[in-house]
Amino acid sequence: MAQSTALAEAARKRGLPMAMRVFEGEGHGFRGSAARRDALAAELSFLAQIFGFTPADDLPDLEIENLPR
């Protein structure tokens, strides 16, 4: 978790678009299928917002810091 937090802080300081989600009870990698599914949906939401496309499925709202509008 310390590495993830450090990477997120570095991205913030550089003004890069970033989002970080922490999955309670998950360590390095995802062991639970729900966490894997949620992580992949969040990744797709991030990419859709960055590249401006509309995914076919409904995705969770993901707040992206430093996202140019």
PDB file of N, CA and C in Angstrom:
ATOM      1  N   MET A   1       0.821  -1.189   0.000  1.00  0.00           N
ATOM      2  CA  MET A   1       0.000   0.000   0.000  1.00  0.00           C
ATOM      3  C   MET A   1       0.869   1.259   0.000  1.00  0.00           C
ATOM      4  N   ALA A   2       2.029   1.188   0.638  1.00  0.00           N
ATOM      5  CA  ALA A   2       2.903   2.356   0.700  1.00  0.00           C
ATOM      6  C   ALA A   2       3.364   2.775  -0.694  1.00  0.00           C
ATOM      7  N   GLN A   3       3.670   1.803  -1.554  1.00  0.00           N
ATOM      8  CA  GLN A   3       4.098   2.136  -2.914  1.00  0.00           C
ATOM      9  C   GLN A   3       2.963   2.781  -3.702  1.00  0.00           C
ATOM     10  N   SER A   4       1.757   2.259  -3.556  1.00  0.00           N
ATOM     11  CA  SER A   4       0.599   2.830  -4.255  1.00  0.00           C
ATOM     12  C   SER A   4       0.360   4.267  -3.819  1.00  0.00           C
ATOM     13  N   THR A   5       0.443   4.498  -2.527  1.00  0.00           N
ATOM     14  CA  THR A   5       0.241   5.842  -1.998  1.00  0.00           C
ATOM     15  C   THR A   5       1.322   6.791  -2.504  1.00  0.00           C
ATOM     16  N   ALA A   6       2.563   6.326  -2.549  1.00  0.00           N
ATOM     17  CA  ALA A   6       3.664   7.159  -3.047  1.00  0.00           C
ATOM     18  C   ALA A   6       3.477   7.485  -4.526  1.00  0.00           C
ATOM     19  N   LEU A   7       3.062   6.507  -5.323  1.00  0.00           N
ATOM     20  CA  LEU A   7       2.816   6.751  -6.749  1.00  0.00           C
ATOM     21  C   LEU A   7       1.671   7.739  -6.947  1.00  0.00           C
ATOM     22  N   ALA A   8       0.604   7.581  -6.166  1.00  0.00           N
ATOM     23  CA  ALA A   8      -0.536   8.492  -6.275  1.00  0.00           C
ATOM     24  C   ALA A   8      -0.120   9.916  -5.918  1.00  0.00           C
ATOM     25  N   GLU A   9       0.663  10.062  -4.865  1.00  0.00           N
ATOM     26  CA  GLU A   9       1.112  11.393  -4.457  1.00  0.00           C
ATOM     27  C   GLU A   9       2.025  12.018  -5.512  1.00  0.00           C
ATOM     28  N   ALA A  10       2.887  11.227  -6.118  1.00  0.00           N
ATOM     29  CA  ALA A  10       3.767  11.737  -7.178  1.00  0.00           C
ATOM     30  C   ALA A  10       2.950  12.206  -8.380  1.00  0.00           C
ATOM     31  N   ALA A  11       1.916  11.457  -8.753  1.00  0.00           N
ATOM     32  CA  ALA A  11       1.054  11.851  -9.871  1.00  0.00           C
ATOM     33  C   ALA A  11       0.320  13.147  -9.548  1.00  0.00           C
ATOM     34  N   ARG A  12      -0.179  13.260  -8.306  1.00  0.00           N
ATOM     35  CA  ARG A  12      -0.855  14.492  -7.885  1.00  0.00           C
ATOM     36  C   ARG A  12       0.076  15.697  -8.012  1.00  0.00           C
ATOM     37  N   LYS A  13       1.284  15.548  -7.494  1.00  0.00           N
ATOM     38  CA  LYS A  13       2.244  16.659  -7.501  1.00  0.00           C
ATOM     39  C   LYS A  13       2.585  17.100  -8.917  1.00  0.00           C
ATOM     40  N   ARG A  14       2.558  16.176  -9.857  1.00  0.00           N
ATOM     41  CA  ARG A  14       2.880  16.503 -11.250  1.00  0.00           C
ATOM     42  C   ARG A  14       1.654  16.957 -12.041  1.00  0.00           C
ATOM     43  N   GLY A  15       0.485  16.925 -11.396  1.00  0.00           N
ATOM     44  CA  GLY A  15      -0.732  17.355 -12.069  1.00  0.00           C
ATOM     45  C   GLY A  15      -1.248  16.357 -13.088  1.00  0.00           C
ATOM     46  N   LEU A  16      -0.869  15.090 -12.932  1.00  0.00           N
ATOM     47  CA  LEU A  16      -1.324  14.056 -13.866  1.00  0.00           C
ATOM     48  C   LEU A  16      -2.714  13.567 -13.489  1.00  0.00           C
ATOM     49  N   PRO A  17      -3.539  13.233 -14.474  1.00  0.00           N
ATOM     50  CA  PRO A  17      -4.827  12.626 -14.153  1.00  0.00           C
ATOM     51  C   PRO A  17      -4.592  11.317 -13.401  1.00  0.00           C
ATOM     52  N   MET A  18      -5.270  11.166 -12.256  1.00  0.00           N
ATOM     53  CA  MET A  18      -5.076   9.953 -11.472  1.00  0.00           C
ATOM     54  C   MET A  18      -6.288   9.679 -10.596  1.00  0.00           C
ATOM     55  N   ALA A  19      -6.424   8.421 -10.260  1.00  0.00           N
ATOM     56  CA  ALA A  19      -7.439   7.982  -9.306  1.00  0.00           C
ATOM     57  C   ALA A  19      -6.852   6.805  -8.555  1.00  0.00           C
ATOM     58  N   MET A  20      -7.209   6.682  -7.299  1.00  0.00           N
ATOM     59  CA  MET A  20      -6.732   5.551  -6.506  1.00  0.00           C
ATOM     60  C   MET A  20      -7.896   4.986  -5.722  1.00  0.00           C
ATOM     61  N   ARG A  21      -8.087   3.696  -5.847  1.00  0.00           N
ATOM     62  CA  ARG A  21      -9.117   3.000  -5.077  1.00  0.00           C
ATOM     63  C   ARG A  21      -8.427   1.956  -4.222  1.00  0.00           C
ATOM     64  N   VAL A  22      -8.823   1.894  -2.973  1.00  0.00           N
ATOM     65  CA  VAL A  22      -8.283   0.906  -2.046  1.00  0.00           C
ATOM     66  C   VAL A  22      -9.383  -0.099  -1.749  1.00  0.00           C
ATOM     67  N   PHE A  23      -9.054  -1.368  -1.890  1.00  0.00           N
ATOM     68  CA  PHE A  23     -10.012  -2.438  -1.637  1.00  0.00           C
ATOM     69  C   PHE A  23      -9.683  -3.072  -0.294  1.00  0.00           C
ATOM     70  N   GLU A  24     -10.556  -2.849   0.658  1.00  0.00           N
ATOM     71  CA  GLU A  24     -10.364  -3.350   2.012  1.00  0.00           C
ATOM     72  C   GLU A  24     -10.189  -4.869   2.011  1.00  0.00           C
ATOM     73  N   GLY A  25      -9.192  -5.332   2.736  1.00  0.00           N
ATOM     74  CA  GLY A  25      -8.967  -6.766   2.862  1.00  0.00           C
ATOM     75  C   GLY A  25      -8.159  -7.383   1.733  1.00  0.00           C
ATOM     76  N   GLU A  26      -7.797  -6.580   0.741  1.00  0.00           N
ATOM     77  CA  GLU A  26      -6.998  -7.094  -0.377  1.00  0.00           C
ATOM     78  C   GLU A  26      -5.562  -6.615  -0.211  1.00  0.00           C
ATOM     79  N   GLY A  27      -4.641  -7.492  -0.465  1.00  0.00           N
ATOM     80  CA  GLY A  27      -3.232  -7.126  -0.381  1.00  0.00           C
ATOM     81  C   GLY A  27      -2.686  -6.845  -1.765  1.00  0.00           C
ATOM     82  N   HIS A  28      -1.484  -7.321  -2.001  1.00  0.00           N
ATOM     83  CA  HIS A  28      -0.846  -7.156  -3.314  1.00  0.00           C
ATOM     84  C   HIS A  28      -1.549  -8.092  -4.291  1.00  0.00           C
ATOM     85  N   GLY A  29      -2.226  -7.521  -5.260  1.00  0.00           N
ATOM     86  CA  GLY A  29      -3.052  -8.331  -6.159  1.00  0.00           C
ATOM     87  C   GLY A  29      -4.430  -8.501  -5.547  1.00  0.00           C
ATOM     88  N   PHE A  30      -5.349  -8.966  -6.333  1.00  0.00           N
ATOM     89  CA  PHE A  30      -6.720  -9.139  -5.858  1.00  0.00           C
ATOM     90  C   PHE A  30      -7.041 -10.620  -5.787  1.00  0.00           C
ATOM     91  N   ARG A  31      -7.500 -11.045  -4.637  1.00  0.00           N
ATOM     92  CA  ARG A  31      -7.844 -12.449  -4.460  1.00  0.00           C
ATOM     93  C   ARG A  31      -9.341 -12.703  -4.632  1.00  0.00           C
ATOM     94  N   GLY A  32     -10.140 -11.737  -4.261  1.00  0.00           N
ATOM     95  CA  GLY A  32     -11.582 -11.904  -4.364  1.00  0.00           C
ATOM     96  C   GLY A  32     -12.099 -11.519  -5.740  1.00  0.00           C
ATOM     97  N   SER A  33     -13.067 -12.284  -6.230  1.00  0.00           N
ATOM     98  CA  SER A  33     -13.597 -11.999  -7.569  1.00  0.00           C
ATOM     99  C   SER A  33     -14.307 -10.645  -7.614  1.00  0.00           C
ATOM    100  N   ALA A  34     -14.957 -10.250  -6.519  1.00  0.00           N
ATOM    101  CA  ALA A  34     -15.645  -8.954  -6.501  1.00  0.00           C
ATOM    102  C   ALA A  34     -14.637  -7.811  -6.622  1.00  0.00           C
ATOM    103  N   ALA A  35     -13.508  -7.928  -5.946  1.00  0.00           N
ATOM    104  CA  ALA A  35     -12.478  -6.886  -6.027  1.00  0.00           C
ATOM    105  C   ALA A  35     -11.897  -6.819  -7.433  1.00  0.00           C
ATOM    106  N   ARG A  36     -11.675  -7.968  -8.057  1.00  0.00           N
ATOM    107  CA  ARG A  36     -11.156  -7.976  -9.431  1.00  0.00           C
ATOM    108  C   ARG A  36     -12.131  -7.311 -10.385  1.00  0.00           C
ATOM    109  N   ARG A  37     -13.398  -7.661 -10.246  1.00  0.00           N
ATOM    110  CA  ARG A  37     -14.436  -7.098 -11.115  1.00  0.00           C
ATOM    111  C   ARG A  37     -14.528  -5.581 -10.918  1.00  0.00           C
ATOM    112  N   ASP A  38     -14.524  -5.137  -9.659  1.00  0.00           N
ATOM    113  CA  ASP A  38     -14.614  -3.703  -9.368  1.00  0.00           C
ATOM    114  C   ASP A  38     -13.387  -2.949  -9.872  1.00  0.00           C
ATOM    115  N   ALA A  39     -12.206  -3.555  -9.739  1.00  0.00           N
ATOM    116  CA  ALA A  39     -10.978  -2.907 -10.211  1.00  0.00           C
ATOM    117  C   ALA A  39     -10.994  -2.759 -11.726  1.00  0.00           C
ATOM    118  N   LEU A  40     -11.415  -3.794 -12.429  1.00  0.00           N
ATOM    119  CA  LEU A  40     -11.469  -3.720 -13.893  1.00  0.00           C
ATOM    120  C   LEU A  40     -12.500  -2.697 -14.362  1.00  0.00           C
ATOM    121  N   ALA A  41     -13.642  -2.630 -13.685  1.00  0.00           N
ATOM    122  CA  ALA A  41     -14.659  -1.635 -14.042  1.00  0.00           C
ATOM    123  C   ALA A  41     -14.126  -0.223 -13.803  1.00  0.00           C
ATOM    124  N   ALA A  42     -13.394  -0.031 -12.706  1.00  0.00           N
ATOM    125  CA  ALA A  42     -12.812   1.284 -12.422  1.00  0.00           C
ATOM    126  C   ALA A  42     -11.761   1.647 -13.470  1.00  0.00           C
ATOM    127  N   GLU A  43     -10.954   0.670 -13.881  1.00  0.00           N
ATOM    128  CA  GLU A  43      -9.950   0.927 -14.921  1.00  0.00           C
ATOM    129  C   GLU A  43     -10.615   1.337 -16.233  1.00  0.00           C
ATOM    130  N   LEU A  44     -11.683   0.647 -16.597  1.00  0.00           N
ATOM    131  CA  LEU A  44     -12.387   0.993 -17.830  1.00  0.00           C
ATOM    132  C   LEU A  44     -13.012   2.381 -17.723  1.00  0.00           C
ATOM    133  N   SER A  45     -13.569   2.708 -16.559  1.00  0.00           N
ATOM    134  CA  SER A  45     -14.130   4.038 -16.341  1.00  0.00           C
ATOM    135  C   SER A  45     -13.048   5.107 -16.482  1.00  0.00           C
ATOM    136  N   PHE A  46     -11.876   4.849 -15.919  1.00  0.00           N
ATOM    137  CA  PHE A  46     -10.751   5.782 -16.024  1.00  0.00           C
ATOM    138  C   PHE A  46     -10.376   6.005 -17.484  1.00  0.00           C
ATOM    139  N   LEU A  47     -10.191   4.922 -18.219  1.00  0.00           N
ATOM    140  CA  LEU A  47      -9.802   5.030 -19.628  1.00  0.00           C
ATOM    141  C   LEU A  47     -10.874   5.733 -20.458  1.00  0.00           C
ATOM    142  N   ALA A  48     -12.143   5.438 -20.179  1.00  0.00           N
ATOM    143  CA  ALA A  48     -13.231   6.083 -20.920  1.00  0.00           C
ATOM    144  C   ALA A  48     -13.219   7.592 -20.701  1.00  0.00           C
ATOM    145  N   GLN A  49     -12.985   8.006 -19.461  1.00  0.00           N
ATOM    146  CA  GLN A  49     -12.950   9.440 -19.173  1.00  0.00           C
ATOM    147  C   GLN A  49     -11.717  10.112 -19.779  1.00  0.00           C
ATOM    148  N   ILE A  50     -10.586   9.443 -19.737  1.00  0.00           N
ATOM    149  CA  ILE A  50      -9.346  10.010 -20.278  1.00  0.00           C
ATOM    150  C   ILE A  50      -9.422  10.141 -21.801  1.00  0.00           C
ATOM    151  N   PHE A  51      -9.890   9.077 -22.459  1.00  0.00           N
ATOM    152  CA  PHE A  51      -9.888   9.054 -23.922  1.00  0.00           C
ATOM    153  C   PHE A  51     -11.208   9.479 -24.545  1.00  0.00           C
ATOM    154  N   GLY A  52     -12.224   9.750 -23.721  1.00  0.00           N
ATOM    155  CA  GLY A  52     -13.473  10.310 -24.212  1.00  0.00           C
ATOM    156  C   GLY A  52     -14.365   9.361 -24.982  1.00  0.00           C
ATOM    157  N   PHE A  53     -14.416   8.106 -24.573  1.00  0.00           N
ATOM    158  CA  PHE A  53     -15.346   7.185 -25.226  1.00  0.00           C
ATOM    159  C   PHE A  53     -16.412   6.736 -24.238  1.00  0.00           C
ATOM    160  N   THR A  54     -17.518   6.244 -24.773  1.00  0.00           N
ATOM    161  CA  THR A  54     -18.622   5.771 -23.950  1.00  0.00           C
ATOM    162  C   THR A  54     -18.626   4.250 -23.940  1.00  0.00           C
ATOM    163  N   PRO A  55     -18.379   3.643 -22.793  1.00  0.00           N
ATOM    164  CA  PRO A  55     -18.400   2.184 -22.713  1.00  0.00           C
ATOM    165  C   PRO A  55     -19.811   1.646 -22.914  1.00  0.00           C
ATOM    166  N   ALA A  56     -19.901   0.416 -23.357  1.00  0.00           N
ATOM    167  CA  ALA A  56     -21.200  -0.208 -23.595  1.00  0.00           C
ATOM    168  C   ALA A  56     -21.934  -0.484 -22.286  1.00  0.00           C
ATOM    169  N   ASP A  57     -21.202  -0.770 -21.224  1.00  0.00           N
ATOM    170  CA  ASP A  57     -21.820  -1.107 -19.939  1.00  0.00           C
ATOM    171  C   ASP A  57     -21.841   0.100 -19.015  1.00  0.00           C
ATOM    172  N   ASP A  58     -22.764   0.064 -18.057  1.00  0.00           N
ATOM    173  CA  ASP A  58     -22.769   1.078 -17.009  1.00  0.00           C
ATOM    174  C   ASP A  58     -21.581   0.813 -16.092  1.00  0.00           C
ATOM    175  N   LEU A  59     -20.879   1.873 -15.749  1.00  0.00           N
ATOM    176  CA  LEU A  59     -19.704   1.745 -14.899  1.00  0.00           C
ATOM    177  C   LEU A  59     -19.867   2.598 -13.653  1.00  0.00           C
ATOM    178  N   PRO A  60     -19.126   2.265 -12.608  1.00  0.00           N
ATOM    179  CA  PRO A  60     -19.198   3.087 -11.399  1.00  0.00           C
ATOM    180  C   PRO A  60     -18.597   4.463 -11.658  1.00  0.00           C
ATOM    181  N   ASP A  61     -19.099   5.443 -10.915  1.00  0.00           N
ATOM    182  CA  ASP A  61     -18.510   6.776 -10.996  1.00  0.00           C
ATOM    183  C   ASP A  61     -17.109   6.712 -10.407  1.00  0.00           C
ATOM    184  N   LEU A  62     -16.168   7.246 -11.117  1.00  0.00           N
ATOM    185  CA  LEU A  62     -14.785   7.275 -10.650  1.00  0.00           C
ATOM    186  C   LEU A  62     -14.309   8.711 -10.739  1.00  0.00           C
ATOM    187  N   GLU A  63     -13.965   9.277  -9.608  1.00  0.00           N
ATOM    188  CA  GLU A  63     -13.468  10.649  -9.591  1.00  0.00           C
ATOM    189  C   GLU A  63     -11.992  10.638  -9.964  1.00  0.00           C
ATOM    190  N   ILE A  64     -11.665  11.359 -11.024  1.00  0.00           N
ATOM    191  CA  ILE A  64     -10.283  11.453 -11.485  1.00  0.00           C
ATOM    192  C   ILE A  64      -9.762  12.838 -11.135  1.00  0.00           C
ATOM    193  N   GLU A  65      -8.700  12.864 -10.369  1.00  0.00           N
ATOM    194  CA  GLU A  65      -8.066  14.130 -10.021  1.00  0.00           C
ATOM    195  C   GLU A  65      -7.255  14.631 -11.213  1.00  0.00           C
ATOM    196  N   ASN A  66      -7.192  15.930 -11.356  1.00  0.00           N
ATOM    197  CA  ASN A  66      -6.397  16.589 -12.406  1.00  0.00           C
ATOM    198  C   ASN A  66      -6.845  16.238 -13.820  1.00  0.00           C
ATOM    199  N   LEU A  67      -8.105  15.923 -13.989  1.00  0.00           N
ATOM    200  CA  LEU A  67      -8.619  15.595 -15.320  1.00  0.00           C
ATOM    201  C   LEU A  67      -8.965  16.885 -16.049  1.00  0.00           C
ATOM    202  N   PRO A  68      -8.281  17.179 -17.155  1.00  0.00           N
ATOM    203  CA  PRO A  68      -8.622  18.388 -17.913  1.00  0.00           C
ATOM    204  C   PRO A  68     -10.048  18.283 -18.458  1.00  0.00           C
ATOM    205  N   ARG A  69     -10.776  19.349 -18.365  1.00  0.00           N
ATOM    206  CA  ARG A  69     -12.165  19.355 -18.868  1.00  0.00           C
ATOM    207  C   ARG A  69     -12.245  20.184 -20.108  1.00  0.00           C
TER     208      ARG A  69
END
